[in-house]
């Protein structure tokens, strides 16, 4: 079984997208999807089950990537790393509302990309482990909540 990290790319600049795929692959990651429109990716995302998505923000002058990131993060629990040419404060503030794991400005440096990927994967794994622990504790509390203990004066159950 291939246990490499699966990365999904959503980028409308075909040249940059292909370069990004080549870079990510050379780092040892698996690119399981490379699309140029966020509106077309949901079925592929369900099939691929990526560990993270590298996502551009602007598509044809619209901030479609920010809206897509909300769906990926909230509905599919897939971490997002924004890669964009835009660094304006207003756009950054809007992008941060979706809680991306990283925000990289084009042109990106390979080392920064690799660090962002590694941090994202580590943080995502930890978040998933915490969610699983939380579910276990909730179920234990539900079970314990149904148990009544009687203790007598001698402190015996």
N, C-alpha and C. Protein backbone atom coordinates (compact mmCIF):
# COMPACT_ATOMS: atom_id res chain seq x y z
N UNK A 1 0.84 -1.19 0.00
CA UNK A 1 0.00 0.00 0.00
C UNK A 1 0.88 1.24 0.00
N UNK A 2 0.51 2.21 -0.77
CA UNK A 2 1.25 3.46 -0.87
C UNK A 2 0.84 4.38 0.28
N UNK A 3 1.79 4.70 1.16
CA UNK A 3 1.44 5.55 2.30
C UNK A 3 1.99 6.97 2.13
N UNK A 4 2.27 7.34 0.87
CA UNK A 4 2.70 8.71 0.61
C UNK A 4 1.54 9.67 0.86
N UNK A 5 1.89 10.90 1.14
CA UNK A 5 0.91 11.95 1.34
C UNK A 5 0.24 12.27 0.00
N UNK A 6 -1.08 12.30 -0.02
CA UNK A 6 -1.84 12.65 -1.22
C UNK A 6 -2.14 14.14 -1.21
N UNK A 7 -1.75 14.80 -2.29
CA UNK A 7 -1.95 16.24 -2.42
C UNK A 7 -2.80 16.51 -3.65
N UNK A 8 -3.76 17.39 -3.49
CA UNK A 8 -4.66 17.78 -4.56
C UNK A 8 -4.37 19.24 -4.90
N UNK A 9 -4.22 19.55 -6.16
CA UNK A 9 -3.89 20.91 -6.61
C UNK A 9 -5.09 21.51 -7.33
N UNK A 10 -5.45 22.75 -6.95
CA UNK A 10 -6.48 23.50 -7.67
C UNK A 10 -5.87 24.85 -8.03
N UNK A 11 -5.53 25.00 -9.29
CA UNK A 11 -4.79 26.18 -9.78
C UNK A 11 -5.18 26.44 -11.22
N UNK A 12 -5.54 27.70 -11.54
CA UNK A 12 -6.01 28.00 -12.89
C UNK A 12 -4.89 28.33 -13.88
N UNK A 13 -3.69 28.61 -13.41
CA UNK A 13 -2.56 28.86 -14.30
C UNK A 13 -1.93 27.51 -14.64
N UNK A 14 -2.17 27.05 -15.86
CA UNK A 14 -1.74 25.71 -16.28
C UNK A 14 -0.24 25.50 -16.14
N UNK A 15 0.56 26.48 -16.52
CA UNK A 15 2.02 26.35 -16.41
C UNK A 15 2.44 26.23 -14.95
N UNK A 16 1.91 27.11 -14.10
CA UNK A 16 2.25 27.06 -12.68
C UNK A 16 1.75 25.76 -12.06
N UNK A 17 0.56 25.34 -12.45
CA UNK A 17 -0.02 24.11 -11.92
C UNK A 17 0.85 22.90 -12.24
N UNK A 18 1.31 22.81 -13.49
CA UNK A 18 2.19 21.70 -13.87
C UNK A 18 3.53 21.76 -13.16
N UNK A 19 4.08 22.98 -13.00
CA UNK A 19 5.33 23.14 -12.24
C UNK A 19 5.13 22.71 -10.79
N UNK A 20 4.01 23.12 -10.22
CA UNK A 20 3.71 22.77 -8.83
C UNK A 20 3.60 21.25 -8.67
N UNK A 21 2.94 20.62 -9.61
CA UNK A 21 2.81 19.16 -9.56
C UNK A 21 4.19 18.49 -9.66
N UNK A 22 5.03 19.00 -10.55
CA UNK A 22 6.39 18.44 -10.69
C UNK A 22 7.17 18.61 -9.40
N UNK A 23 7.09 19.79 -8.79
CA UNK A 23 7.83 20.07 -7.54
C UNK A 23 7.34 19.16 -6.42
N UNK A 24 6.03 19.09 -6.26
CA UNK A 24 5.45 18.28 -5.18
C UNK A 24 5.80 16.81 -5.37
N UNK A 25 5.75 16.33 -6.59
CA UNK A 25 6.11 14.94 -6.88
C UNK A 25 7.59 14.69 -6.59
N UNK A 26 8.44 15.64 -6.95
CA UNK A 26 9.88 15.47 -6.70
C UNK A 26 10.20 15.46 -5.20
N UNK A 27 9.31 16.02 -4.39
CA UNK A 27 9.48 15.99 -2.94
C UNK A 27 9.06 14.65 -2.35
N UNK A 28 8.48 13.78 -3.18
CA UNK A 28 8.07 12.46 -2.71
C UNK A 28 6.59 12.34 -2.38
N UNK A 29 5.82 13.37 -2.68
CA UNK A 29 4.38 13.33 -2.42
C UNK A 29 3.64 12.85 -3.66
N UNK A 30 2.44 12.37 -3.46
CA UNK A 30 1.61 11.90 -4.56
C UNK A 30 0.58 12.98 -4.90
N UNK A 31 0.55 13.42 -6.15
CA UNK A 31 -0.47 14.36 -6.59
C UNK A 31 -1.62 13.52 -7.12
N UNK A 32 -2.74 13.54 -6.38
CA UNK A 32 -3.88 12.69 -6.75
C UNK A 32 -4.94 13.45 -7.53
N UNK A 33 -4.71 14.74 -7.76
CA UNK A 33 -5.64 15.52 -8.55
C UNK A 33 -5.04 16.86 -8.89
N UNK A 34 -5.31 17.34 -10.11
CA UNK A 34 -4.81 18.64 -10.54
C UNK A 34 -5.88 19.26 -11.42
N UNK A 35 -6.63 20.19 -10.83
CA UNK A 35 -7.76 20.80 -11.52
C UNK A 35 -7.55 22.30 -11.64
N UNK A 36 -8.21 22.90 -12.63
CA UNK A 36 -8.06 24.35 -12.81
C UNK A 36 -9.31 25.13 -12.44
N UNK A 37 -10.36 24.45 -11.95
CA UNK A 37 -11.58 25.12 -11.50
C UNK A 37 -12.06 24.47 -10.21
N UNK A 38 -12.21 25.26 -9.14
CA UNK A 38 -12.68 24.69 -7.88
C UNK A 38 -14.07 24.07 -7.98
N UNK A 39 -14.90 24.58 -8.86
CA UNK A 39 -16.28 24.09 -8.97
C UNK A 39 -16.36 22.66 -9.51
N UNK A 40 -15.28 22.15 -10.05
CA UNK A 40 -15.30 20.82 -10.68
C UNK A 40 -14.61 19.74 -9.86
N UNK A 41 -14.23 20.02 -8.64
CA UNK A 41 -13.35 19.09 -7.93
C UNK A 41 -14.00 18.17 -6.91
N UNK A 42 -15.23 18.44 -6.49
CA UNK A 42 -15.78 17.70 -5.35
C UNK A 42 -15.83 16.19 -5.55
N UNK A 43 -16.23 15.72 -6.71
CA UNK A 43 -16.26 14.27 -6.95
C UNK A 43 -14.84 13.69 -6.90
N UNK A 44 -13.89 14.40 -7.51
CA UNK A 44 -12.50 13.93 -7.50
C UNK A 44 -11.94 13.94 -6.09
N UNK A 45 -12.31 14.94 -5.29
CA UNK A 45 -11.86 15.01 -3.89
C UNK A 45 -12.37 13.81 -3.10
N UNK A 46 -13.64 13.47 -3.31
CA UNK A 46 -14.23 12.32 -2.61
C UNK A 46 -13.50 11.04 -2.96
N UNK A 47 -13.12 10.90 -4.22
CA UNK A 47 -12.44 9.69 -4.69
C UNK A 47 -10.98 9.65 -4.22
N UNK A 48 -10.31 10.78 -4.33
CA UNK A 48 -8.88 10.86 -4.03
C UNK A 48 -8.60 10.84 -2.52
N UNK A 49 -9.47 11.48 -1.72
CA UNK A 49 -9.27 11.63 -0.28
C UNK A 49 -7.87 12.20 0.02
N UNK A 50 -7.62 13.42 -0.44
CA UNK A 50 -6.28 13.99 -0.24
C UNK A 50 -6.00 14.32 1.22
N UNK A 51 -4.71 14.34 1.54
CA UNK A 51 -4.28 14.74 2.88
C UNK A 51 -4.25 16.25 3.00
N UNK A 52 -4.12 16.94 1.87
CA UNK A 52 -4.20 18.39 1.85
C UNK A 52 -4.43 18.87 0.43
N UNK A 53 -4.91 20.12 0.35
CA UNK A 53 -5.18 20.74 -0.95
C UNK A 53 -4.35 22.01 -1.07
N UNK A 54 -3.64 22.13 -2.18
CA UNK A 54 -2.95 23.37 -2.53
C UNK A 54 -3.92 24.14 -3.41
N UNK A 55 -4.33 25.32 -2.97
CA UNK A 55 -5.44 26.01 -3.59
C UNK A 55 -5.12 27.46 -3.90
N UNK A 56 -5.31 27.82 -5.16
CA UNK A 56 -5.20 29.22 -5.56
C UNK A 56 -6.44 29.94 -5.05
N UNK A 57 -6.35 31.26 -4.87
CA UNK A 57 -7.50 32.02 -4.38
C UNK A 57 -8.31 32.58 -5.53
N UNK A 58 -7.64 33.20 -6.49
CA UNK A 58 -8.35 33.88 -7.58
C UNK A 58 -8.47 32.99 -8.81
N UNK A 59 -9.71 32.94 -9.32
CA UNK A 59 -10.02 32.23 -10.55
C UNK A 59 -10.83 33.17 -11.42
N UNK A 60 -10.24 33.61 -12.51
CA UNK A 60 -10.90 34.56 -13.41
C UNK A 60 -11.37 35.82 -12.69
N UNK A 61 -10.52 36.33 -11.80
CA UNK A 61 -10.83 37.57 -11.11
C UNK A 61 -11.76 37.44 -9.92
N UNK A 62 -12.18 36.23 -9.60
CA UNK A 62 -13.08 36.00 -8.46
C UNK A 62 -12.33 35.23 -7.38
N UNK A 63 -12.69 35.48 -6.14
CA UNK A 63 -12.04 34.79 -5.03
C UNK A 63 -12.75 33.46 -4.74
N UNK A 64 -12.94 32.69 -5.78
CA UNK A 64 -13.61 31.40 -5.70
C UNK A 64 -12.88 30.42 -4.79
N UNK A 65 -11.57 30.57 -4.71
CA UNK A 65 -10.78 29.66 -3.88
C UNK A 65 -11.12 29.77 -2.40
N UNK A 66 -11.43 30.97 -1.94
CA UNK A 66 -11.77 31.15 -0.52
C UNK A 66 -13.06 30.41 -0.20
N UNK A 67 -14.06 30.56 -1.05
CA UNK A 67 -15.33 29.86 -0.82
C UNK A 67 -15.13 28.35 -0.87
N UNK A 68 -14.34 27.89 -1.82
CA UNK A 68 -14.06 26.45 -1.94
C UNK A 68 -13.34 25.92 -0.71
N UNK A 69 -12.44 26.73 -0.16
CA UNK A 69 -11.69 26.29 1.01
C UNK A 69 -12.61 26.04 2.20
N UNK A 70 -13.65 26.84 2.34
CA UNK A 70 -14.60 26.66 3.45
C UNK A 70 -15.25 25.29 3.35
N UNK A 71 -15.64 24.89 2.16
CA UNK A 71 -16.25 23.58 1.96
C UNK A 71 -15.25 22.47 2.25
N UNK A 72 -14.04 22.60 1.72
CA UNK A 72 -13.01 21.58 1.93
C UNK A 72 -12.68 21.41 3.41
N UNK A 73 -12.53 22.52 4.11
CA UNK A 73 -12.14 22.47 5.52
C UNK A 73 -13.30 22.04 6.41
N UNK A 74 -14.45 22.66 6.25
CA UNK A 74 -15.58 22.41 7.15
C UNK A 74 -16.33 21.12 6.85
N UNK A 75 -16.60 20.85 5.59
CA UNK A 75 -17.40 19.69 5.24
C UNK A 75 -16.59 18.41 5.06
N UNK A 76 -15.37 18.55 4.52
CA UNK A 76 -14.56 17.36 4.22
C UNK A 76 -13.38 17.19 5.19
N UNK A 77 -13.16 18.17 6.04
CA UNK A 77 -12.06 18.15 7.00
C UNK A 77 -10.71 17.93 6.32
N UNK A 78 -10.52 18.61 5.19
CA UNK A 78 -9.26 18.54 4.44
C UNK A 78 -8.55 19.87 4.63
N UNK A 79 -7.31 19.83 5.09
CA UNK A 79 -6.57 21.09 5.26
C UNK A 79 -6.22 21.73 3.92
N UNK A 80 -6.19 23.06 3.94
CA UNK A 80 -5.93 23.83 2.73
C UNK A 80 -4.71 24.71 2.93
N UNK A 81 -3.86 24.75 1.90
CA UNK A 81 -2.74 25.69 1.83
C UNK A 81 -3.02 26.58 0.64
N UNK A 82 -3.20 27.88 0.91
CA UNK A 82 -3.40 28.82 -0.18
C UNK A 82 -2.08 29.15 -0.84
N UNK A 83 -2.10 29.17 -2.17
CA UNK A 83 -0.96 29.63 -2.95
C UNK A 83 -1.51 30.68 -3.91
N UNK A 84 -1.08 31.93 -3.73
CA UNK A 84 -1.68 33.02 -4.49
C UNK A 84 -0.66 34.09 -4.83
N UNK A 85 -0.97 34.87 -5.82
CA UNK A 85 -0.11 35.99 -6.21
C UNK A 85 -0.50 37.26 -5.45
N UNK A 86 -1.57 37.18 -4.66
CA UNK A 86 -2.10 38.36 -4.00
C UNK A 86 -1.75 38.40 -2.52
N UNK A 87 -1.24 39.56 -2.09
CA UNK A 87 -0.86 39.70 -0.69
C UNK A 87 -1.55 40.89 -0.01
N UNK A 88 -2.59 41.42 -0.64
CA UNK A 88 -3.30 42.56 -0.06
C UNK A 88 -3.92 42.16 1.28
N UNK A 89 -3.90 43.09 2.22
CA UNK A 89 -4.38 42.83 3.57
C UNK A 89 -5.84 42.39 3.58
N UNK A 90 -6.69 43.05 2.81
CA UNK A 90 -8.11 42.70 2.79
C UNK A 90 -8.33 41.26 2.32
N UNK A 91 -7.61 40.87 1.28
CA UNK A 91 -7.74 39.51 0.76
C UNK A 91 -7.20 38.50 1.78
N UNK A 92 -6.08 38.82 2.38
CA UNK A 92 -5.52 37.94 3.41
C UNK A 92 -6.50 37.78 4.56
N UNK A 93 -7.07 38.88 5.03
CA UNK A 93 -8.04 38.82 6.13
C UNK A 93 -9.23 37.95 5.76
N UNK A 94 -9.72 38.09 4.54
CA UNK A 94 -10.84 37.28 4.08
C UNK A 94 -10.44 35.80 3.99
N UNK A 95 -9.26 35.54 3.49
CA UNK A 95 -8.78 34.15 3.37
C UNK A 95 -8.60 33.51 4.74
N UNK A 96 -8.13 34.26 5.70
CA UNK A 96 -7.88 33.72 7.04
C UNK A 96 -9.17 33.29 7.74
N UNK A 97 -10.29 33.84 7.36
CA UNK A 97 -11.57 33.46 7.96
C UNK A 97 -11.90 31.99 7.70
N UNK A 98 -11.38 31.44 6.63
CA UNK A 98 -11.65 30.03 6.32
C UNK A 98 -10.69 29.09 7.05
N UNK A 99 -9.74 29.64 7.78
CA UNK A 99 -8.77 28.88 8.58
C UNK A 99 -7.87 27.96 7.75
N UNK A 100 -7.17 28.53 6.77
CA UNK A 100 -6.22 27.71 6.01
C UNK A 100 -5.03 27.36 6.91
N UNK A 101 -4.31 26.35 6.54
CA UNK A 101 -3.13 25.95 7.31
C UNK A 101 -1.92 26.80 6.95
N UNK A 102 -1.91 27.35 5.73
CA UNK A 102 -0.80 28.22 5.32
C UNK A 102 -1.27 29.11 4.18
N UNK A 103 -0.49 30.18 3.94
CA UNK A 103 -0.81 31.15 2.90
C UNK A 103 0.53 31.52 2.26
N UNK A 104 0.78 31.01 1.07
CA UNK A 104 2.05 31.25 0.39
C UNK A 104 1.84 32.20 -0.78
N UNK A 105 2.79 33.14 -0.96
CA UNK A 105 2.72 34.14 -2.02
C UNK A 105 3.59 33.69 -3.19
N UNK A 106 3.01 33.72 -4.39
CA UNK A 106 3.77 33.41 -5.61
C UNK A 106 4.72 34.56 -5.91
N UNK A 107 5.87 34.32 -6.45
CA UNK A 107 6.43 33.00 -6.73
C UNK A 107 6.86 32.34 -5.41
N UNK A 108 6.60 31.07 -5.30
CA UNK A 108 6.91 30.38 -4.06
C UNK A 108 8.30 29.75 -4.14
N UNK A 109 8.90 29.61 -2.98
CA UNK A 109 10.17 28.90 -2.89
C UNK A 109 9.87 27.46 -2.52
N UNK A 110 10.60 26.55 -3.13
CA UNK A 110 10.37 25.12 -2.88
C UNK A 110 10.51 24.77 -1.41
N UNK A 111 11.50 25.36 -0.74
CA UNK A 111 11.69 25.05 0.68
C UNK A 111 10.50 25.52 1.51
N UNK A 112 9.94 26.68 1.18
CA UNK A 112 8.77 27.18 1.92
C UNK A 112 7.57 26.28 1.68
N UNK A 113 7.41 25.82 0.45
CA UNK A 113 6.32 24.91 0.12
C UNK A 113 6.46 23.61 0.90
N UNK A 114 7.65 23.06 0.91
CA UNK A 114 7.87 21.80 1.62
C UNK A 114 7.62 21.95 3.11
N UNK A 115 8.06 23.05 3.69
CA UNK A 115 7.81 23.30 5.12
C UNK A 115 6.31 23.43 5.37
N UNK A 116 5.61 24.17 4.51
CA UNK A 116 4.15 24.34 4.67
C UNK A 116 3.44 22.99 4.58
N UNK A 117 3.86 22.14 3.65
CA UNK A 117 3.25 20.82 3.50
C UNK A 117 3.50 19.98 4.75
N UNK A 118 4.74 19.94 5.20
CA UNK A 118 5.07 19.13 6.39
C UNK A 118 4.33 19.61 7.63
N UNK A 119 4.28 20.92 7.83
CA UNK A 119 3.56 21.46 8.99
C UNK A 119 2.07 21.18 8.89
N UNK A 120 1.52 21.32 7.70
CA UNK A 120 0.10 21.07 7.50
C UNK A 120 -0.25 19.63 7.79
N UNK A 121 0.54 18.71 7.26
CA UNK A 121 0.29 17.28 7.48
C UNK A 121 0.40 16.95 8.97
N UNK A 122 1.44 17.44 9.63
CA UNK A 122 1.62 17.17 11.06
C UNK A 122 0.47 17.74 11.88
N UNK A 123 0.10 18.97 11.60
CA UNK A 123 -0.99 19.61 12.33
C UNK A 123 -2.32 18.90 12.08
N UNK A 124 -2.55 18.51 10.85
CA UNK A 124 -3.78 17.81 10.50
C UNK A 124 -3.87 16.46 11.20
N UNK A 125 -2.78 15.72 11.23
CA UNK A 125 -2.77 14.42 11.92
C UNK A 125 -3.07 14.60 13.41
N UNK A 126 -2.46 15.59 14.02
CA UNK A 126 -2.69 15.86 15.43
C UNK A 126 -4.14 16.25 15.66
N UNK A 127 -4.70 17.08 14.81
CA UNK A 127 -6.10 17.50 14.94
C UNK A 127 -7.03 16.29 14.84
N UNK A 128 -6.76 15.39 13.90
CA UNK A 128 -7.58 14.19 13.76
C UNK A 128 -7.48 13.30 15.00
N UNK A 129 -6.27 13.14 15.54
CA UNK A 129 -6.09 12.35 16.75
C UNK A 129 -6.86 12.96 17.92
N UNK A 130 -6.81 14.27 18.04
CA UNK A 130 -7.54 14.95 19.11
C UNK A 130 -9.05 14.77 18.96
N UNK A 131 -9.55 14.84 17.73
CA UNK A 131 -10.98 14.61 17.49
C UNK A 131 -11.39 13.19 17.88
N UNK A 132 -10.54 12.22 17.53
CA UNK A 132 -10.83 10.83 17.88
C UNK A 132 -10.86 10.65 19.40
N UNK A 133 -9.89 11.25 20.09
CA UNK A 133 -9.85 11.18 21.55
C UNK A 133 -11.08 11.84 22.16
N UNK A 134 -11.47 12.97 21.61
CA UNK A 134 -12.64 13.68 22.10
C UNK A 134 -13.89 12.81 21.96
N UNK A 135 -14.03 12.11 20.83
CA UNK A 135 -15.17 11.23 20.63
C UNK A 135 -15.17 10.09 21.65
N UNK A 136 -13.97 9.53 21.92
CA UNK A 136 -13.88 8.45 22.91
C UNK A 136 -14.28 8.94 24.29
N UNK A 137 -13.80 10.12 24.67
CA UNK A 137 -14.13 10.66 25.98
C UNK A 137 -15.63 10.98 26.08
N UNK A 138 -16.21 11.49 25.01
CA UNK A 138 -17.65 11.77 25.01
C UNK A 138 -18.45 10.49 25.21
N UNK A 139 -18.05 9.42 24.52
CA UNK A 139 -18.78 8.17 24.68
C UNK A 139 -18.58 7.59 26.09
N UNK A 140 -17.39 7.75 26.66
CA UNK A 140 -17.15 7.29 28.04
C UNK A 140 -18.00 8.08 29.02
N UNK A 141 -18.09 9.37 28.82
CA UNK A 141 -18.90 10.21 29.71
C UNK A 141 -20.37 9.83 29.59
N UNK A 142 -20.81 9.54 28.38
CA UNK A 142 -22.21 9.11 28.20
C UNK A 142 -22.48 7.80 28.93
N UNK A 143 -21.54 6.87 28.88
CA UNK A 143 -21.70 5.59 29.58
C UNK A 143 -21.66 5.82 31.09
N UNK A 144 -20.68 6.57 31.53
CA UNK A 144 -20.52 6.82 32.97
C UNK A 144 -21.72 7.59 33.52
N UNK A 145 -22.27 8.46 32.72
CA UNK A 145 -23.43 9.24 33.16
C UNK A 145 -24.62 8.37 33.49
N UNK A 146 -24.67 7.17 32.98
CA UNK A 146 -25.78 6.26 33.25
C UNK A 146 -25.53 5.35 34.44
N UNK A 147 -24.41 5.45 35.07
CA UNK A 147 -24.06 4.61 36.22
C UNK A 147 -24.31 5.40 37.50
N UNK A 148 -25.02 4.77 38.42
CA UNK A 148 -25.27 5.41 39.71
C UNK A 148 -24.54 4.61 40.77
N UNK A 149 -23.77 5.28 41.58
CA UNK A 149 -23.04 4.63 42.65
C UNK A 149 -23.67 5.00 43.99
N UNK A 150 -23.80 4.00 44.83
CA UNK A 150 -24.27 4.25 46.19
C UNK A 150 -23.11 3.94 47.11
N UNK A 151 -22.78 4.89 47.95
CA UNK A 151 -21.68 4.70 48.88
C UNK A 151 -22.28 4.81 50.30
N UNK A 152 -21.99 3.78 51.14
CA UNK A 152 -22.52 3.84 52.50
C UNK A 152 -21.60 4.61 53.43
N UNK A 153 -21.94 4.66 54.67
CA UNK A 153 -21.17 5.44 55.65
C UNK A 153 -19.72 4.93 55.74
N UNK A 154 -19.51 3.66 55.54
CA UNK A 154 -18.18 3.06 55.62
C UNK A 154 -17.40 3.22 54.33
N UNK A 155 -17.92 4.03 53.45
CA UNK A 155 -17.32 4.32 52.14
C UNK A 155 -17.19 3.08 51.26
N UNK A 156 -18.17 2.20 51.36
CA UNK A 156 -18.22 1.03 50.50
C UNK A 156 -19.28 1.24 49.43
N UNK A 157 -18.94 0.77 48.23
CA UNK A 157 -19.87 0.92 47.11
C UNK A 157 -20.95 -0.13 47.22
